[in-house]
Amino acid sequence: MTFTNQSSVIAAVAAALAWVAGSGDAGARTSRPRTALDDRCIISVLNRNTRVKADGTWVLPNIPANFGLVRARATCIFDGITVSGESAPFTIAANGSVDVPPIVLGSTTPIPTAVTLLPAATQLAQIG
């Protein structure tokens, strides 16, 4: 295939992307919105993981308690595209169950990779 100008190339690329986007699996799975959790998703809380059931429900036992606020994070693969999401922060109580806030797929809060603590001022008053 040859193109005579840049707009032809852009039109061809747009057509190819539209064809690829529309060529997913047939059936009910492709009609679901990419904002709903299903069995193509994994949930993680404090490095504990579980797969979501087809109906969007999930259970994650034995999560450590008393860590302060945590988030449930989801990673889903819809038609070859990885989509992430997270819940609002929540607290895990010891020996109890938690109703986790809804997980919203889309932009996520970056996971901290380091913490740096610095004193307000460093002052040495004497030698030794």
Foldseek 3Di string as FASTA:
>chain_A
DDDDDDVVVVVVVVVVVVVLLPPFDDDDLNVDDPFAFAQQKWKDKPNFIDGAHRVRDDDTPDDDFDPPWTKIKMWGQRRNDIWIWIFDTDGDDPPDDDDTGDTTIDDDDDDDDDDDDDDPDDDDDDDD
